[in-house]
């Protein structure tokens, strides 16, 4: 049986939820290096993954910005879009 990779888990997560933050990646996928996985999926695999900076409260009650990653999906089929360069 083949080992499930961080990239495989992230693609499954994107299929179900469409977006993810680094904290969600740690909590839900056990991936502490989400940016590296995103880089691999973008550059090697050609997936259309976008980074949006969103504001969230930190533990001190202040506002901070974090990256939220979204993936482009086909609106009719829900399939993840890949660009072949």
Protein backbone atom coordinates (compact mmCIF):
# COMPACT_ATOMS: atom_id res chain seq x y z
CA UNK A 1 0.00 0.00 0.00
CA UNK A 2 1.36 3.43 -0.96
CA UNK A 3 2.05 5.96 1.75
CA UNK A 4 -0.24 9.02 1.75
CA UNK A 5 1.81 12.19 1.30
CA UNK A 6 1.23 15.69 2.66
CA UNK A 7 0.35 16.74 -0.89
CA UNK A 8 -2.29 13.98 -1.19
CA UNK A 9 -3.84 14.93 2.14
CA UNK A 10 -3.87 18.62 1.21
CA UNK A 11 -5.52 17.97 -2.16
CA UNK A 12 -8.23 15.91 -0.40
CA UNK A 13 -8.72 18.77 2.07
CA UNK A 14 -9.01 21.29 -0.78
CA UNK A 15 -11.60 19.07 -2.50
CA UNK A 16 -13.73 19.03 0.63
CA UNK A 17 -13.22 22.55 2.05
CA UNK A 18 -11.66 24.67 -0.75
CA UNK A 19 -9.35 26.64 1.54
CA UNK A 20 -6.89 26.19 4.41
CA UNK A 21 -4.66 28.16 6.79
CA UNK A 22 -1.41 27.00 8.36
CA UNK A 23 -3.12 26.41 11.73
CA UNK A 24 -5.78 24.25 10.06
CA UNK A 25 -3.03 22.32 8.26
CA UNK A 26 -1.29 21.60 11.56
CA UNK A 27 -4.48 20.65 13.40
CA UNK A 28 -6.28 18.73 10.65
CA UNK A 29 -3.46 17.31 8.52
CA UNK A 30 -0.41 17.22 10.81
CA UNK A 31 1.46 19.34 8.24
CA UNK A 32 3.69 21.93 9.89
CA UNK A 33 5.20 23.08 6.58
CA UNK A 34 2.11 23.89 4.53
CA UNK A 35 3.95 26.53 2.48
CA UNK A 36 6.40 23.88 1.25
CA UNK A 37 3.54 21.58 0.25
CA UNK A 38 1.77 24.47 -1.51
CA UNK A 39 4.99 25.30 -3.37
CA UNK A 40 5.30 21.70 -4.57
CA UNK A 41 1.70 21.57 -5.74
CA UNK A 42 2.03 24.89 -7.58
CA UNK A 43 5.43 24.45 -9.20
CA UNK A 44 5.74 20.72 -9.79
CA UNK A 45 2.11 19.72 -10.21
CA UNK A 46 0.67 22.93 -11.74
CA UNK A 47 -2.30 23.45 -9.41
CA UNK A 48 -3.90 26.91 -9.33
CA UNK A 49 -3.46 27.74 -5.62
CA UNK A 50 -3.81 31.34 -4.44
CA UNK A 51 -2.69 33.07 -1.26
CA UNK A 52 -5.02 35.56 0.42
CA UNK A 53 -3.97 37.47 3.50
CA UNK A 54 -6.78 37.54 6.07
CA UNK A 55 -7.04 39.27 9.44
CA UNK A 56 -7.59 37.19 12.56
CA UNK A 57 -7.37 37.92 16.29
CA UNK A 58 -4.27 36.68 18.10
CA UNK A 59 -4.16 35.44 21.69
CA UNK A 60 -3.56 39.00 22.95
CA UNK A 61 -6.77 40.30 21.37
CA UNK A 62 -4.90 42.13 18.63
CA UNK A 63 -5.45 41.71 14.90
CA UNK A 64 -2.83 39.98 12.80
CA UNK A 65 -2.65 38.76 9.22
CA UNK A 66 -2.22 35.14 8.16
CA UNK A 67 -2.14 33.38 4.81
CA UNK A 68 -5.22 31.52 3.68
CA UNK A 69 -4.70 29.27 0.67
CA UNK A 70 -7.48 28.61 -1.83
CA UNK A 71 -7.52 26.41 -4.90
CA UNK A 72 -9.27 26.98 -8.18
CA UNK A 73 -12.04 24.51 -8.91
CA UNK A 74 -14.13 23.83 -11.98
CA UNK A 75 -17.51 25.39 -11.06
CA UNK A 76 -19.47 22.64 -12.83
CA UNK A 77 -17.59 19.51 -11.78
CA UNK A 78 -15.79 20.62 -8.62
CA UNK A 79 -12.52 19.20 -10.00
CA UNK A 80 -9.31 20.95 -8.97
CA UNK A 81 -7.80 22.96 -11.82
CA UNK A 82 -4.28 22.22 -12.99
CA UNK A 83 -2.27 24.35 -15.39
CA UNK A 84 0.32 22.60 -17.52
CA UNK A 85 3.12 25.03 -18.27
